[in-house]
Amino acid sequence: VMWVVNEQGGAWKLAGMYLAPPQCAGHDAQWFWEQARGFKASAQEHNAWLYYLAAWDLLAPANFMYTVPRERLSQEMEEMRPAEMPAPAKPMPLVVGARSYRITQMMPEPVGTELFLGVKYLVPDLSDRLRVAQDNTAVMRALVGEYPELRQAFAGVVARAVDPSGRDYGSLLAMKDIK
C-alpha cells in the first residue's frame, strides 16, 4: 500500500492511496524477470515481452513511480520488444477468415492463482452479445494459432471486445480448451 499525503493549512490530508499486489499468480517481480530472460534465451520473444511487463508492474508500489530496478528492467526489455506488439495508438491487425480484428493491448492478466494472457480489441458495438462472444473465441484461437509459444507461458486467454465508449465484454478460455 502506498499513501500519498498533502499538507494543507498545517494538517496532512490523504491525497491518494495505491494498492499494488506484491505478487501476480503467486510469483514476485524477480521470478517474472527471470522467466522473461529464459523465454528470451529460447527465442520466445512474445512470452519474454509479456513476462517483462508482469515484472514491470510488480516492481513499483504505483505505476507512475521511478525505481532503479524498473530502470534496469526497462533497458533490458526495450531492446527486444516485438515489433508487432499492439498499442492503443498502433493496433495489431489479426485476420480470422473474412474478419479482421484490431488488437490494442496484450498483457499478462492474473485469473485466480493462474496467469492468463489478456487481449483487448476494438469492436463497433457490443449489442449482439452472442456475436461478441463468438468474436472473443475467434480472437483467442487465432492468437494462440499465430503464436503457439503462448501455450507454454499462460494458463489461458481473456479476450475483451472494447466499443468506442470504452465499455467491454470479456470471455476467457483455458489453454486446453483453445483448439
N, C-alpha and C. Protein backbone atom coordinates (compact mmCIF):
# COMPACT_ATOMS: atom_id res chain seq x y z
N VAL A 1 0.85 -1.18 0.00
CA VAL A 1 0.00 0.00 0.00
C VAL A 1 0.89 1.23 0.00
N MET A 2 0.58 2.17 -0.87
CA MET A 2 1.30 3.43 -0.89
C MET A 2 0.29 4.55 -0.62
N TRP A 3 0.62 5.38 0.35
CA TRP A 3 -0.23 6.51 0.71
C TRP A 3 0.39 7.78 0.15
N VAL A 4 -0.40 8.61 -0.45
CA VAL A 4 0.05 9.92 -0.92
C VAL A 4 -0.66 10.94 -0.04
N VAL A 5 0.14 11.79 0.62
CA VAL A 5 -0.44 12.79 1.51
C VAL A 5 -0.03 14.18 1.04
N ASN A 6 -0.82 15.15 1.43
CA ASN A 6 -0.60 16.53 1.05
C ASN A 6 -0.83 17.41 2.28
N GLU A 7 0.08 18.32 2.53
CA GLU A 7 -0.09 19.22 3.67
C GLU A 7 -0.94 20.40 3.23
N GLN A 8 -2.04 20.61 3.96
CA GLN A 8 -2.94 21.73 3.69
C GLN A 8 -3.23 22.45 4.99
N GLY A 9 -2.87 23.72 5.07
CA GLY A 9 -3.14 24.50 6.28
C GLY A 9 -2.54 23.92 7.53
N GLY A 10 -1.37 23.34 7.45
CA GLY A 10 -0.70 22.77 8.62
C GLY A 10 -1.17 21.38 8.99
N ALA A 11 -2.12 20.82 8.24
CA ALA A 11 -2.60 19.46 8.52
C ALA A 11 -2.33 18.58 7.30
N TRP A 12 -2.01 17.34 7.57
CA TRP A 12 -1.77 16.40 6.48
C TRP A 12 -3.10 15.76 6.06
N LYS A 13 -3.36 15.76 4.75
CA LYS A 13 -4.60 15.19 4.19
C LYS A 13 -4.23 14.05 3.25
N LEU A 14 -5.08 13.06 3.21
CA LEU A 14 -4.89 11.94 2.30
C LEU A 14 -5.18 12.42 0.89
N ALA A 15 -4.20 12.30 0.00
CA ALA A 15 -4.37 12.73 -1.39
C ALA A 15 -4.53 11.54 -2.33
N GLY A 16 -4.19 10.36 -1.88
CA GLY A 16 -4.34 9.18 -2.73
C GLY A 16 -3.83 7.94 -2.03
N MET A 17 -4.31 6.81 -2.49
CA MET A 17 -3.87 5.53 -1.96
C MET A 17 -3.77 4.56 -3.12
N TYR A 18 -2.66 3.87 -3.21
CA TYR A 18 -2.45 2.92 -4.28
C TYR A 18 -2.20 1.55 -3.68
N LEU A 19 -2.96 0.58 -4.14
CA LEU A 19 -2.78 -0.80 -3.71
C LEU A 19 -2.05 -1.54 -4.82
N ALA A 20 -0.89 -2.02 -4.53
CA ALA A 20 -0.11 -2.77 -5.51
C ALA A 20 0.20 -4.13 -4.93
N PRO A 21 -0.29 -5.18 -5.56
CA PRO A 21 -0.01 -6.51 -5.02
C PRO A 21 1.48 -6.83 -5.13
N PRO A 22 2.04 -7.53 -4.16
CA PRO A 22 3.46 -7.89 -4.23
C PRO A 22 3.72 -9.07 -5.16
N GLN A 23 2.65 -9.77 -5.54
CA GLN A 23 2.78 -10.94 -6.41
C GLN A 23 1.67 -10.96 -7.44
N CYS A 24 1.91 -11.71 -8.49
CA CYS A 24 0.91 -11.95 -9.53
C CYS A 24 0.91 -13.45 -9.77
N ALA A 25 -0.23 -14.08 -9.65
CA ALA A 25 -0.35 -15.52 -9.85
C ALA A 25 0.67 -16.30 -9.01
N GLY A 26 0.93 -15.79 -7.80
CA GLY A 26 1.81 -16.49 -6.87
C GLY A 26 3.30 -16.24 -7.04
N HIS A 27 3.68 -15.29 -7.89
CA HIS A 27 5.10 -15.03 -8.14
C HIS A 27 5.40 -13.55 -8.03
N ASP A 28 6.64 -13.25 -7.63
CA ASP A 28 7.05 -11.85 -7.48
C ASP A 28 7.74 -11.34 -8.76
N ALA A 29 8.13 -10.07 -8.72
CA ALA A 29 8.74 -9.44 -9.89
C ALA A 29 10.02 -10.15 -10.34
N GLN A 30 10.84 -10.54 -9.39
CA GLN A 30 12.10 -11.19 -9.74
C GLN A 30 11.86 -12.49 -10.49
N TRP A 31 10.86 -13.26 -10.08
CA TRP A 31 10.54 -14.52 -10.76
C TRP A 31 10.14 -14.24 -12.21
N PHE A 32 9.25 -13.24 -12.42
CA PHE A 32 8.82 -12.92 -13.78
C PHE A 32 10.00 -12.44 -14.62
N TRP A 33 10.90 -11.66 -14.03
CA TRP A 33 12.07 -11.17 -14.73
C TRP A 33 12.95 -12.33 -15.18
N GLU A 34 13.17 -13.28 -14.29
CA GLU A 34 13.99 -14.45 -14.64
C GLU A 34 13.32 -15.30 -15.72
N GLN A 35 12.01 -15.48 -15.62
CA GLN A 35 11.28 -16.23 -16.64
C GLN A 35 11.37 -15.52 -17.99
N ALA A 36 11.26 -14.19 -17.99
CA ALA A 36 11.37 -13.42 -19.22
C ALA A 36 12.73 -13.65 -19.88
N ARG A 37 13.77 -13.65 -19.07
CA ARG A 37 15.12 -13.91 -19.61
C ARG A 37 15.20 -15.31 -20.21
N GLY A 38 14.58 -16.28 -19.55
CA GLY A 38 14.56 -17.64 -20.09
C GLY A 38 13.82 -17.72 -21.41
N PHE A 39 12.67 -17.05 -21.50
CA PHE A 39 11.93 -17.03 -22.76
C PHE A 39 12.74 -16.33 -23.85
N LYS A 40 13.42 -15.24 -23.48
CA LYS A 40 14.26 -14.52 -24.44
C LYS A 40 15.37 -15.43 -24.96
N ALA A 41 16.02 -16.17 -24.07
CA ALA A 41 17.09 -17.08 -24.47
C ALA A 41 16.57 -18.20 -25.38
N SER A 42 15.29 -18.54 -25.23
CA SER A 42 14.68 -19.59 -26.06
C SER A 42 14.02 -19.03 -27.31
N ALA A 43 14.27 -17.75 -27.60
CA ALA A 43 13.71 -17.07 -28.77
C ALA A 43 12.18 -17.01 -28.76
N GLN A 44 11.60 -16.97 -27.57
CA GLN A 44 10.15 -16.80 -27.43
C GLN A 44 9.90 -15.34 -27.06
N GLU A 45 10.04 -14.47 -28.05
CA GLU A 45 10.03 -13.03 -27.77
C GLU A 45 8.70 -12.51 -27.24
N HIS A 46 7.60 -13.09 -27.65
CA HIS A 46 6.30 -12.63 -27.15
C HIS A 46 6.12 -12.98 -25.68
N ASN A 47 6.45 -14.22 -25.33
CA ASN A 47 6.38 -14.62 -23.93
C ASN A 47 7.33 -13.77 -23.08
N ALA A 48 8.54 -13.55 -23.60
CA ALA A 48 9.52 -12.75 -22.87
C ALA A 48 8.97 -11.35 -22.62
N TRP A 49 8.46 -10.71 -23.66
CA TRP A 49 7.94 -9.35 -23.52
C TRP A 49 6.80 -9.30 -22.50
N LEU A 50 5.88 -10.23 -22.56
CA LEU A 50 4.73 -10.23 -21.66
C LEU A 50 5.15 -10.50 -20.21
N TYR A 51 6.15 -11.33 -20.01
CA TYR A 51 6.65 -11.58 -18.65
C TYR A 51 7.45 -10.38 -18.14
N TYR A 52 8.17 -9.70 -19.03
CA TYR A 52 8.81 -8.45 -18.63
C TYR A 52 7.75 -7.44 -18.16
N LEU A 53 6.62 -7.39 -18.85
CA LEU A 53 5.54 -6.47 -18.43
C LEU A 53 5.02 -6.82 -17.04
N ALA A 54 4.89 -8.11 -16.76
CA ALA A 54 4.43 -8.52 -15.42
C ALA A 54 5.44 -8.07 -14.37
N ALA A 55 6.73 -8.26 -14.64
CA ALA A 55 7.77 -7.83 -13.70
C ALA A 55 7.71 -6.31 -13.52
N TRP A 56 7.55 -5.59 -14.60
CA TRP A 56 7.47 -4.11 -14.57
C TRP A 56 6.35 -3.66 -13.64
N ASP A 57 5.18 -4.27 -13.78
CA ASP A 57 4.04 -3.88 -12.95
C ASP A 57 4.28 -4.16 -11.47
N LEU A 58 5.02 -5.21 -11.17
CA LEU A 58 5.25 -5.59 -9.78
C LEU A 58 6.41 -4.85 -9.11
N LEU A 59 7.23 -4.17 -9.89
CA LEU A 59 8.43 -3.55 -9.34
C LEU A 59 8.22 -2.21 -8.64
N ALA A 60 7.04 -1.64 -8.69
CA ALA A 60 6.83 -0.34 -8.04
C ALA A 60 5.49 -0.33 -7.32
N PRO A 61 5.41 0.40 -6.22
CA PRO A 61 4.14 0.47 -5.49
C PRO A 61 3.04 1.18 -6.26
N ALA A 62 3.42 2.03 -7.23
CA ALA A 62 2.44 2.72 -8.09
C ALA A 62 3.06 2.82 -9.48
N ASN A 63 2.21 2.73 -10.51
CA ASN A 63 2.74 2.64 -11.87
C ASN A 63 3.46 3.89 -12.35
N PHE A 64 3.33 5.00 -11.66
CA PHE A 64 4.00 6.23 -12.07
C PHE A 64 5.34 6.43 -11.37
N MET A 65 5.73 5.53 -10.49
CA MET A 65 6.96 5.70 -9.71
C MET A 65 8.18 5.19 -10.46
N TYR A 66 9.27 5.95 -10.33
CA TYR A 66 10.55 5.54 -10.86
C TYR A 66 11.30 4.77 -9.77
N THR A 67 11.88 3.66 -10.14
CA THR A 67 12.76 2.92 -9.23
C THR A 67 13.96 2.46 -10.03
N VAL A 68 15.08 2.25 -9.38
CA VAL A 68 16.28 1.78 -10.06
C VAL A 68 16.05 0.41 -10.70
N PRO A 69 15.42 -0.55 -9.99
CA PRO A 69 15.16 -1.84 -10.65
C PRO A 69 14.27 -1.69 -11.90
N ARG A 70 13.28 -0.80 -11.85
CA ARG A 70 12.44 -0.58 -13.03
C ARG A 70 13.25 -0.02 -14.19
N GLU A 71 14.18 0.86 -13.91
CA GLU A 71 15.03 1.43 -14.96
C GLU A 71 15.88 0.34 -15.60
N ARG A 72 16.47 -0.54 -14.80
CA ARG A 72 17.27 -1.65 -15.33
C ARG A 72 16.40 -2.58 -16.19
N LEU A 73 15.22 -2.89 -15.68
CA LEU A 73 14.31 -3.75 -16.43
C LEU A 73 13.90 -3.08 -17.74
N SER A 74 13.61 -1.81 -17.70
CA SER A 74 13.21 -1.08 -18.90
C SER A 74 14.28 -1.17 -19.98
N GLN A 75 15.53 -0.98 -19.60
CA GLN A 75 16.62 -1.06 -20.57
C GLN A 75 16.72 -2.46 -21.18
N GLU A 76 16.54 -3.46 -20.35
CA GLU A 76 16.64 -4.84 -20.83
C GLU A 76 15.48 -5.21 -21.74
N MET A 77 14.27 -4.79 -21.38
CA MET A 77 13.11 -5.22 -22.14
C MET A 77 12.93 -4.44 -23.44
N GLU A 78 13.29 -3.17 -23.46
CA GLU A 78 13.07 -2.37 -24.66
C GLU A 78 13.91 -2.83 -25.84
N GLU A 79 15.06 -3.46 -25.57
CA GLU A 79 15.91 -3.91 -26.67
C GLU A 79 15.32 -5.09 -27.42
N MET A 80 14.30 -5.73 -26.85
CA MET A 80 13.75 -6.91 -27.52
C MET A 80 12.23 -6.87 -27.73
N ARG A 81 11.62 -5.71 -27.63
CA ARG A 81 10.17 -5.61 -27.84
C ARG A 81 9.81 -6.08 -29.24
N PRO A 82 8.89 -7.04 -29.35
CA PRO A 82 8.47 -7.49 -30.68
C PRO A 82 7.80 -6.34 -31.45
N ALA A 83 8.18 -6.16 -32.69
CA ALA A 83 7.70 -5.03 -33.49
C ALA A 83 6.18 -5.01 -33.65
N GLU A 84 5.56 -6.17 -33.69
CA GLU A 84 4.11 -6.21 -33.94
C GLU A 84 3.25 -6.08 -32.68
N MET A 85 3.88 -5.96 -31.51
CA MET A 85 3.08 -5.85 -30.28
C MET A 85 2.18 -4.63 -30.38
N PRO A 86 0.92 -4.79 -30.01
CA PRO A 86 -0.04 -3.70 -30.18
C PRO A 86 0.10 -2.60 -29.14
N ALA A 87 -0.48 -1.47 -29.47
CA ALA A 87 -0.61 -0.33 -28.57
C ALA A 87 -1.90 0.37 -28.98
N PRO A 88 -2.55 1.09 -28.04
CA PRO A 88 -3.80 1.76 -28.41
C PRO A 88 -3.68 2.64 -29.66
N ALA A 89 -2.54 3.31 -29.83
CA ALA A 89 -2.36 4.17 -30.99
C ALA A 89 -1.90 3.39 -32.23
N LYS A 90 -1.48 2.14 -32.02
CA LYS A 90 -0.98 1.32 -33.13
C LYS A 90 -1.51 -0.10 -32.99
N PRO A 91 -2.81 -0.29 -33.31
CA PRO A 91 -3.38 -1.64 -33.16
C PRO A 91 -2.69 -2.66 -34.06
N MET A 92 -2.68 -3.89 -33.59
CA MET A 92 -2.12 -5.00 -34.33
C MET A 92 -3.25 -5.68 -35.11
N PRO A 93 -3.13 -5.78 -36.43
CA PRO A 93 -4.19 -6.47 -37.18
C PRO A 93 -4.14 -7.98 -36.95
N LEU A 94 -5.30 -8.58 -36.85
CA LEU A 94 -5.41 -10.03 -36.72
C LEU A 94 -6.54 -10.46 -37.64
N VAL A 95 -6.20 -11.23 -38.66
CA VAL A 95 -7.19 -11.67 -39.65
C VAL A 95 -7.62 -13.09 -39.31
N VAL A 96 -8.94 -13.28 -39.22
CA VAL A 96 -9.52 -14.59 -38.94
C VAL A 96 -10.57 -14.83 -40.02
N GLY A 97 -10.22 -15.68 -41.00
CA GLY A 97 -11.13 -15.91 -42.11
C GLY A 97 -11.37 -14.60 -42.86
N ALA A 98 -12.66 -14.24 -42.99
CA ALA A 98 -13.02 -13.00 -43.69
C ALA A 98 -13.05 -11.79 -42.75
N ARG A 99 -12.87 -12.02 -41.46
CA ARG A 99 -12.94 -10.93 -40.48
C ARG A 99 -11.55 -10.44 -40.12
N SER A 100 -11.48 -9.17 -39.79
CA SER A 100 -10.23 -8.57 -39.35
C SER A 100 -10.48 -7.88 -38.01
N TYR A 101 -9.59 -8.11 -37.07
CA TYR A 101 -9.70 -7.52 -35.74
C TYR A 101 -8.51 -6.60 -35.51
N ARG A 102 -8.71 -5.58 -34.70
CA ARG A 102 -7.63 -4.66 -34.36
C ARG A 102 -7.33 -4.81 -32.87
N ILE A 103 -6.24 -5.51 -32.57
CA ILE A 103 -5.81 -5.76 -31.19
C ILE A 103 -5.13 -4.49 -30.68
N THR A 104 -5.58 -3.97 -29.54
CA THR A 104 -4.98 -2.75 -28.99
C THR A 104 -4.09 -3.02 -27.78
N GLN A 105 -4.25 -4.19 -27.17
CA GLN A 105 -3.46 -4.45 -25.98
C GLN A 105 -3.32 -5.95 -25.76
N MET A 106 -2.12 -6.36 -25.36
CA MET A 106 -1.85 -7.72 -24.90
C MET A 106 -1.05 -7.57 -23.63
N MET A 107 -1.50 -8.25 -22.56
CA MET A 107 -0.84 -8.11 -21.27
C MET A 107 -1.07 -9.34 -20.43
N PRO A 108 -0.18 -9.59 -19.46
CA PRO A 108 -0.42 -10.69 -18.52
C PRO A 108 -1.59 -10.31 -17.62
N GLU A 109 -2.45 -11.26 -17.34
CA GLU A 109 -3.63 -10.99 -16.52
C GLU A 109 -3.85 -12.13 -15.53
N PRO A 110 -3.74 -11.84 -14.22
CA PRO A 110 -3.98 -12.90 -13.24
C PRO A 110 -5.46 -13.27 -13.21
N VAL A 111 -5.71 -14.57 -13.18
CA VAL A 111 -7.07 -15.11 -13.03
C VAL A 111 -6.96 -16.13 -11.90
N GLY A 112 -7.46 -15.75 -10.74
CA GLY A 112 -7.29 -16.61 -9.57
C GLY A 112 -5.81 -16.75 -9.26
N THR A 113 -5.33 -17.98 -9.22
CA THR A 113 -3.92 -18.22 -8.94
C THR A 113 -3.12 -18.51 -10.20
N GLU A 114 -3.71 -18.29 -11.37
CA GLU A 114 -3.04 -18.59 -12.63
C GLU A 114 -2.81 -17.31 -13.43
N LEU A 115 -1.91 -17.38 -14.38
CA LEU A 115 -1.62 -16.26 -15.25
C LEU A 115 -2.20 -16.54 -16.63
N PHE A 116 -3.08 -15.64 -17.06
CA PHE A 116 -3.69 -15.73 -18.38
C PHE A 116 -3.12 -14.61 -19.24
N LEU A 117 -3.28 -14.73 -20.54
CA LEU A 117 -2.95 -13.66 -21.46
C LEU A 117 -4.20 -12.81 -21.62
N GLY A 118 -4.11 -11.52 -21.36
CA GLY A 118 -5.22 -10.60 -21.58
C GLY A 118 -5.08 -9.95 -22.94
N VAL A 119 -6.18 -9.86 -23.68
CA VAL A 119 -6.17 -9.27 -25.02
C VAL A 119 -7.37 -8.35 -25.14
N LYS A 120 -7.13 -7.13 -25.62
CA LYS A 120 -8.23 -6.19 -25.90
C LYS A 120 -8.22 -5.87 -27.38
N TYR A 121 -9.42 -5.81 -27.95
CA TYR A 121 -9.54 -5.46 -29.37
C TYR A 121 -10.78 -4.60 -29.56
N LEU A 122 -10.80 -3.87 -30.66
CA LEU A 122 -11.87 -2.90 -30.93
C LEU A 122 -13.03 -3.52 -31.67
N VAL A 123 -14.24 -3.13 -31.28
CA VAL A 123 -15.47 -3.50 -31.98
C VAL A 123 -16.35 -2.25 -32.11
N PRO A 124 -17.21 -2.21 -33.13
CA PRO A 124 -18.07 -1.03 -33.28
C PRO A 124 -19.14 -0.93 -32.19
N ASP A 125 -19.66 -2.08 -31.75
CA ASP A 125 -20.64 -2.06 -30.66
C ASP A 125 -20.72 -3.43 -30.00
N LEU A 126 -21.33 -3.45 -28.82
CA LEU A 126 -21.43 -4.68 -28.03
C LEU A 126 -22.86 -5.21 -27.94
N SER A 127 -23.75 -4.69 -28.76
CA SER A 127 -25.17 -5.01 -28.61
C SER A 127 -25.50 -6.49 -28.86
N ASP A 128 -24.83 -7.12 -29.80
CA ASP A 128 -25.07 -8.54 -30.09
C ASP A 128 -24.08 -9.37 -29.29
N ARG A 129 -24.44 -9.70 -28.05
CA ARG A 129 -23.52 -10.40 -27.14
C ARG A 129 -23.11 -11.77 -27.65
N LEU A 130 -24.00 -12.47 -28.31
CA LEU A 130 -23.64 -13.78 -28.87
C LEU A 130 -22.54 -13.62 -29.91
N ARG A 131 -22.69 -12.64 -30.79
CA ARG A 131 -21.69 -12.38 -31.82
C ARG A 131 -20.34 -11.97 -31.18
N VAL A 132 -20.41 -11.12 -30.15
CA VAL A 132 -19.19 -10.67 -29.48
C VAL A 132 -18.49 -11.85 -28.80
N ALA A 133 -19.27 -12.73 -28.17
CA ALA A 133 -18.68 -13.92 -27.53
C ALA A 133 -18.00 -14.80 -28.59
N GLN A 134 -18.61 -14.94 -29.74
CA GLN A 134 -18.01 -15.71 -30.83
C GLN A 134 -16.73 -15.04 -31.33
N ASP A 135 -16.77 -13.71 -31.43
CA ASP A 135 -15.57 -12.97 -31.83
C ASP A 135 -14.45 -13.15 -30.81
N ASN A 136 -14.80 -13.09 -29.52
CA ASN A 136 -13.79 -13.30 -28.47
C ASN A 136 -13.11 -14.65 -28.64
N THR A 137 -13.89 -15.67 -28.87
CA THR A 137 -13.34 -17.02 -29.06
C THR A 137 -12.48 -17.08 -30.31
N ALA A 138 -12.93 -16.44 -31.39
CA ALA A 138 -12.14 -16.43 -32.63
C ALA A 138 -10.81 -15.72 -32.43
N VAL A 139 -10.81 -14.61 -31.69
CA VAL A 139 -9.57 -13.88 -31.41
C VAL A 139 -8.62 -14.75 -30.59
N MET A 140 -9.14 -15.42 -29.56
CA MET A 140 -8.30 -16.27 -28.73
C MET A 140 -7.66 -17.38 -29.56
N ARG A 141 -8.46 -18.05 -30.36
CA ARG A 141 -7.95 -19.16 -31.18
C ARG A 141 -6.91 -18.67 -32.19
N ALA A 142 -7.20 -17.54 -32.82
CA ALA A 142 -6.29 -17.02 -33.83
C ALA A 142 -4.95 -16.60 -33.21
N LEU A 143 -4.99 -15.93 -32.06
CA LEU A 143 -3.74 -15.50 -31.41
C LEU A 143 -2.88 -16.70 -31.01
N VAL A 144 -3.51 -17.70 -30.41
CA VAL A 144 -2.75 -18.88 -29.99
C VAL A 144 -2.27 -19.66 -31.22
N GLY A 145 -3.06 -19.65 -32.28
CA GLY A 145 -2.61 -20.29 -33.53
C GLY A 145 -1.44 -19.55 -34.15
N GLU A 146 -1.47 -18.22 -34.11
CA GLU A 146 -0.39 -17.40 -34.66
C GLU A 146 0.89 -17.47 -33.82
N TYR A 147 0.71 -17.54 -32.51
CA TYR A 147 1.85 -17.55 -31.58
C TYR A 147 1.71 -18.75 -30.63
N PRO A 148 2.00 -19.96 -31.11
CA PRO A 148 1.79 -21.16 -30.30
C PRO A 148 2.63 -21.20 -29.01
N GLU A 149 3.72 -20.42 -28.96
CA GLU A 149 4.53 -20.40 -27.73
C GLU A 149 3.74 -19.87 -26.54
N LEU A 150 2.64 -19.15 -26.78
CA LEU A 150 1.81 -18.63 -25.68
C LEU A 150 1.27 -19.77 -24.81
N ARG A 151 1.09 -20.93 -25.40
CA ARG A 151 0.58 -22.09 -24.64
C ARG A 151 1.50 -22.44 -23.48
N GLN A 152 2.79 -22.23 -23.66
CA GLN A 152 3.78 -22.59 -22.64
C GLN A 152 3.76 -21.60 -21.48
N ALA A 153 3.44 -20.35 -21.74
CA ALA A 153 3.59 -19.29 -20.73
C ALA A 153 2.30 -18.93 -20.00
N PHE A 154 1.15 -19.29 -20.55
CA PHE A 154 -0.12 -18.84 -19.98
C PHE A 154 -1.10 -20.00 -19.81
N ALA A 155 -1.90 -19.92 -18.76
CA ALA A 155 -2.89 -20.96 -18.48
C ALA A 155 -4.13 -20.81 -19.34
N GLY A 156 -4.31 -19.65 -19.94
CA GLY A 156 -5.47 -19.39 -20.78
C GLY A 156 -5.42 -17.99 -21.34
N VAL A 157 -6.52 -17.60 -21.97
CA VAL A 157 -6.62 -16.27 -22.60
C VAL A 157 -7.93 -15.62 -22.17
N VAL A 158 -7.86 -14.33 -21.86
CA VAL A 158 -9.03 -13.50 -21.61
C VAL A 158 -9.10 -12.51 -22.76
N ALA A 159 -10.16 -12.56 -23.56
CA ALA A 159 -10.35 -11.62 -24.67
C ALA A 159 -11.45 -10.65 -24.30
N ARG A 160 -11.19 -9.37 -24.52
CA ARG A 160 -12.17 -8.32 -24.23
C ARG A 160 -12.41 -7.49 -25.48
N ALA A 161 -13.64 -7.51 -25.95
CA ALA A 161 -14.06 -6.64 -27.05
C ALA A 161 -14.38 -5.28 -26.43
N VAL A 162 -13.84 -4.21 -27.00
CA VAL A 162 -14.00 -2.87 -26.44
C VAL A 162 -14.68 -1.98 -27.48
N ASP A 163 -15.80 -1.36 -27.08
CA ASP A 163 -16.51 -0.48 -28.01
C ASP A 163 -15.95 0.95 -27.94
N PRO A 164 -16.41 1.85 -28.83
CA PRO A 164 -15.85 3.21 -28.85
C PRO A 164 -16.01 3.99 -27.54
N SER A 165 -17.00 3.64 -26.72
CA SER A 165 -17.18 4.34 -25.45
C SER A 165 -16.26 3.81 -24.35
N GLY A 166 -15.55 2.70 -24.64
CA GLY A 166 -14.65 2.11 -23.65
C GLY A 166 -15.25 0.95 -22.88
N ARG A 167 -16.55 0.69 -23.07
CA ARG A 167 -17.15 -0.48 -22.42
C ARG A 167 -16.59 -1.74 -23.06
N ASP A 168 -16.53 -2.82 -22.27
CA ASP A 168 -16.01 -4.05 -22.84
C ASP A 168 -16.87 -5.25 -22.47
N TYR A 169 -16.66 -6.31 -23.22
CA TYR A 169 -17.31 -7.59 -22.96
C TYR A 169 -16.24 -8.65 -23.09
N GLY A 170 -16.01 -9.38 -22.02
CA GLY A 170 -14.92 -10.34 -22.00
C GLY A 170 -15.36 -11.78 -21.91
N SER A 171 -14.49 -12.63 -22.40
CA SER A 171 -14.65 -14.09 -22.32
C SER A 171 -13.28 -14.67 -21.99
N LEU A 172 -13.27 -15.83 -21.34
CA LEU A 172 -11.99 -16.48 -21.08
C LEU A 172 -12.08 -17.95 -21.39
N LEU A 173 -10.94 -18.47 -21.79
CA LEU A 173 -10.80 -19.91 -22.07
C LEU A 173 -9.47 -20.38 -21.53
N ALA A 174 -9.47 -21.57 -20.94
CA ALA A 174 -8.21 -22.20 -20.56
C ALA A 174 -7.50 -22.65 -21.83
N MET A 175 -6.18 -22.70 -21.81
CA MET A 175 -5.42 -23.11 -22.99
C MET A 175 -5.85 -24.48 -23.51
N LYS A 176 -6.17 -25.40 -22.60
CA LYS A 176 -6.56 -26.74 -23.04
C LYS A 176 -7.85 -26.72 -23.86
N ASP A 177 -8.65 -25.65 -23.73
CA ASP A 177 -9.91 -25.54 -24.46
C ASP A 177 -9.79 -24.71 -25.74
N ILE A 178 -8.61 -24.20 -26.02
CA ILE A 178 -8.39 -23.43 -27.24
C ILE A 178 -7.81 -24.38 -28.28
N LYS A 179 -8.63 -24.72 -29.23
CA LYS A 179 -8.25 -25.70 -30.26
C LYS A 179 -7.99 -25.01 -31.58
